[in-house]
């Protein structure tokens, strides 16, 4: 059961990370920042979003497995 939650976390984490990267990139581009800074900031926010969803789904998997649902 935990593996299912980790898989869901990877899939939705990837999508969330990609969307966070693109949104951040477009916002920073709008204000005329340098490409190097935009790349670093957008990537770090995308990675944070990915890890957030992965960790959250893993925690939910552990909780649900202990509840025997």
N, C-alpha and C. Protein backbone atom coordinates (compact mmCIF):
# COMPACT_ATOMS: atom_id res chain seq x y z
N UNK A 1 0.82 -1.19 0.00
CA UNK A 1 0.00 0.00 0.00
C UNK A 1 0.87 1.26 0.00
N UNK A 2 1.96 1.21 0.73
CA UNK A 2 2.84 2.38 0.77
C UNK A 2 3.43 2.64 -0.62
N UNK A 3 3.73 1.57 -1.35
CA UNK A 3 4.30 1.73 -2.69
C UNK A 3 3.35 2.48 -3.62
N UNK A 4 2.06 2.22 -3.47
CA UNK A 4 1.06 2.91 -4.29
C UNK A 4 1.08 4.40 -3.99
N UNK A 5 1.13 4.76 -2.72
CA UNK A 5 1.16 6.17 -2.35
C UNK A 5 2.45 6.84 -2.82
N UNK A 6 3.56 6.14 -2.77
CA UNK A 6 4.82 6.70 -3.26
C UNK A 6 4.74 6.91 -4.77
N UNK A 7 4.17 5.96 -5.48
CA UNK A 7 4.00 6.10 -6.93
C UNK A 7 3.11 7.29 -7.27
N UNK A 8 2.00 7.42 -6.55
CA UNK A 8 1.11 8.57 -6.76
C UNK A 8 1.85 9.87 -6.43
N UNK A 9 2.65 9.85 -5.37
CA UNK A 9 3.42 11.03 -5.00
C UNK A 9 4.44 11.41 -6.06
N UNK A 10 5.05 10.41 -6.67
CA UNK A 10 6.01 10.69 -7.74
C UNK A 10 5.31 11.30 -8.95
N UNK A 11 4.19 10.73 -9.32
CA UNK A 11 3.47 11.23 -10.51
C UNK A 11 2.96 12.64 -10.28
N UNK A 12 2.22 12.84 -9.19
CA UNK A 12 1.65 14.16 -8.94
C UNK A 12 2.73 15.15 -8.49
N UNK A 13 3.77 14.67 -7.84
CA UNK A 13 4.88 15.53 -7.49
C UNK A 13 5.59 16.06 -8.71
N UNK A 14 5.77 15.19 -9.70
CA UNK A 14 6.38 15.62 -10.96
C UNK A 14 5.54 16.69 -11.64
N UNK A 15 4.23 16.45 -11.70
CA UNK A 15 3.35 17.44 -12.32
C UNK A 15 3.34 18.76 -11.55
N UNK A 16 3.30 18.68 -10.22
CA UNK A 16 3.32 19.89 -9.41
C UNK A 16 4.64 20.63 -9.56
N UNK A 17 5.74 19.88 -9.58
CA UNK A 17 7.04 20.50 -9.76
C UNK A 17 7.18 21.17 -11.11
N UNK A 18 6.68 20.52 -12.13
CA UNK A 18 6.74 21.09 -13.48
C UNK A 18 5.91 22.37 -13.56
N UNK A 19 4.71 22.34 -13.00
CA UNK A 19 3.85 23.52 -13.02
C UNK A 19 4.47 24.66 -12.19
N UNK A 20 5.03 24.34 -11.04
CA UNK A 20 5.67 25.36 -10.21
C UNK A 20 6.86 25.97 -10.94
N UNK A 21 7.63 25.13 -11.63
CA UNK A 21 8.76 25.62 -12.42
C UNK A 21 8.28 26.58 -13.50
N UNK A 22 7.27 26.18 -14.25
CA UNK A 22 6.80 27.01 -15.36
C UNK A 22 6.17 28.32 -14.87
N UNK A 23 5.40 28.26 -13.80
CA UNK A 23 4.79 29.47 -13.27
C UNK A 23 5.85 30.43 -12.77
N UNK A 24 6.83 29.91 -12.04
CA UNK A 24 7.90 30.76 -11.52
C UNK A 24 8.72 31.35 -12.66
N UNK A 25 9.01 30.54 -13.65
CA UNK A 25 9.78 31.02 -14.81
C UNK A 25 9.06 32.17 -15.49
N UNK A 26 7.77 32.01 -15.75
CA UNK A 26 7.01 33.05 -16.44
C UNK A 26 6.92 34.33 -15.61
N UNK A 27 6.75 34.19 -14.31
CA UNK A 27 6.67 35.37 -13.45
C UNK A 27 8.00 36.10 -13.41
N UNK A 28 9.09 35.37 -13.28
CA UNK A 28 10.40 36.02 -13.24
C UNK A 28 10.74 36.62 -14.60
N UNK A 29 10.31 35.97 -15.66
CA UNK A 29 10.56 36.48 -17.01
C UNK A 29 9.81 37.79 -17.23
N UNK A 30 8.65 37.88 -16.67
CA UNK A 30 7.81 39.07 -16.80
C UNK A 30 8.48 40.31 -16.21
N UNK A 31 9.26 40.10 -15.16
CA UNK A 31 9.92 41.22 -14.50
C UNK A 31 11.35 41.45 -14.98
N UNK A 32 11.78 40.71 -15.98
CA UNK A 32 13.05 40.97 -16.64
C UNK A 32 14.30 40.54 -15.89
N UNK A 33 14.24 39.45 -15.14
CA UNK A 33 15.42 38.96 -14.45
C UNK A 33 16.32 38.21 -15.43
N UNK A 34 17.56 38.00 -15.03
CA UNK A 34 18.51 37.29 -15.87
C UNK A 34 18.14 35.82 -15.97
N UNK A 35 18.45 35.22 -17.10
CA UNK A 35 18.09 33.81 -17.36
C UNK A 35 18.71 32.86 -16.33
N UNK A 36 19.96 33.12 -15.94
CA UNK A 36 20.64 32.24 -15.01
C UNK A 36 19.91 32.23 -13.66
N UNK A 37 19.53 33.40 -13.18
CA UNK A 37 18.83 33.50 -11.90
C UNK A 37 17.43 32.89 -12.02
N UNK A 38 16.77 33.13 -13.14
CA UNK A 38 15.43 32.55 -13.34
C UNK A 38 15.50 31.03 -13.33
N UNK A 39 16.51 30.48 -13.97
CA UNK A 39 16.66 29.02 -14.05
C UNK A 39 16.86 28.44 -12.66
N UNK A 40 17.77 29.03 -11.88
CA UNK A 40 18.07 28.51 -10.53
C UNK A 40 16.86 28.60 -9.61
N UNK A 41 16.21 29.74 -9.60
CA UNK A 41 15.05 29.92 -8.71
C UNK A 41 13.88 29.04 -9.12
N UNK A 42 13.60 28.97 -10.39
CA UNK A 42 12.49 28.14 -10.88
C UNK A 42 12.75 26.67 -10.60
N UNK A 43 13.97 26.23 -10.80
CA UNK A 43 14.31 24.84 -10.54
C UNK A 43 14.20 24.50 -9.06
N UNK A 44 14.67 25.39 -8.21
CA UNK A 44 14.60 25.12 -6.77
C UNK A 44 13.15 25.07 -6.29
N UNK A 45 12.30 25.92 -6.80
CA UNK A 45 10.89 25.89 -6.41
C UNK A 45 10.21 24.65 -6.97
N UNK A 46 10.55 24.25 -8.18
CA UNK A 46 10.00 23.03 -8.75
C UNK A 46 10.41 21.79 -7.97
N UNK A 47 11.66 21.74 -7.55
CA UNK A 47 12.14 20.61 -6.74
C UNK A 47 11.44 20.59 -5.39
N UNK A 48 11.26 21.76 -4.79
CA UNK A 48 10.56 21.84 -3.52
C UNK A 48 9.13 21.32 -3.65
N UNK A 49 8.42 21.71 -4.71
CA UNK A 49 7.05 21.24 -4.91
C UNK A 49 7.01 19.72 -5.10
N UNK A 50 7.96 19.19 -5.88
CA UNK A 50 8.04 17.75 -6.07
C UNK A 50 8.25 17.02 -4.75
N UNK A 51 9.22 17.48 -3.97
CA UNK A 51 9.52 16.82 -2.70
C UNK A 51 8.36 16.95 -1.72
N UNK A 52 7.68 18.08 -1.73
CA UNK A 52 6.54 18.27 -0.85
C UNK A 52 5.46 17.22 -1.12
N UNK A 53 5.10 17.04 -2.38
CA UNK A 53 4.06 16.06 -2.71
C UNK A 53 4.53 14.64 -2.47
N UNK A 54 5.78 14.35 -2.73
CA UNK A 54 6.31 13.01 -2.50
C UNK A 54 6.31 12.68 -1.01
N UNK A 55 6.76 13.60 -0.19
CA UNK A 55 6.80 13.36 1.26
C UNK A 55 5.39 13.29 1.83
N UNK A 56 4.51 14.16 1.37
CA UNK A 56 3.13 14.14 1.86
C UNK A 56 2.43 12.83 1.52
N UNK A 57 2.58 12.36 0.30
CA UNK A 57 1.94 11.10 -0.07
C UNK A 57 2.57 9.91 0.65
N UNK A 58 3.88 9.97 0.91
CA UNK A 58 4.53 8.89 1.66
C UNK A 58 4.01 8.84 3.09
N UNK A 59 3.85 10.00 3.70
CA UNK A 59 3.30 10.05 5.06
C UNK A 59 1.88 9.51 5.08
N UNK A 60 1.09 9.89 4.11
CA UNK A 60 -0.29 9.37 4.03
C UNK A 60 -0.30 7.86 3.84
N UNK A 61 0.63 7.35 3.05
CA UNK A 61 0.72 5.90 2.86
C UNK A 61 1.04 5.17 4.14
N UNK A 62 1.95 5.72 4.92
CA UNK A 62 2.30 5.11 6.20
C UNK A 62 1.12 5.17 7.16
N UNK A 63 0.45 6.31 7.23
CA UNK A 63 -0.70 6.48 8.12
C UNK A 63 -1.82 5.51 7.74
N UNK A 64 -2.14 5.46 6.46
CA UNK A 64 -3.23 4.58 6.02
C UNK A 64 -2.87 3.10 6.19
N UNK A 65 -1.62 2.75 6.03
CA UNK A 65 -1.24 1.36 6.23
C UNK A 65 -1.33 0.95 7.69
N UNK A 66 -1.09 1.88 8.59
CA UNK A 66 -1.23 1.58 10.02
C UNK A 66 -2.69 1.55 10.47
N UNK A 67 -3.55 2.23 9.73
CA UNK A 67 -4.97 2.22 10.05
C UNK A 67 -5.69 1.01 9.45
N UNK A 68 -5.00 0.28 8.61
CA UNK A 68 -5.55 -0.92 7.93
C UNK A 68 -6.79 -0.57 7.10
N UNK A 69 -6.69 0.50 6.32
CA UNK A 69 -7.82 0.87 5.45
C UNK A 69 -7.68 0.23 4.10
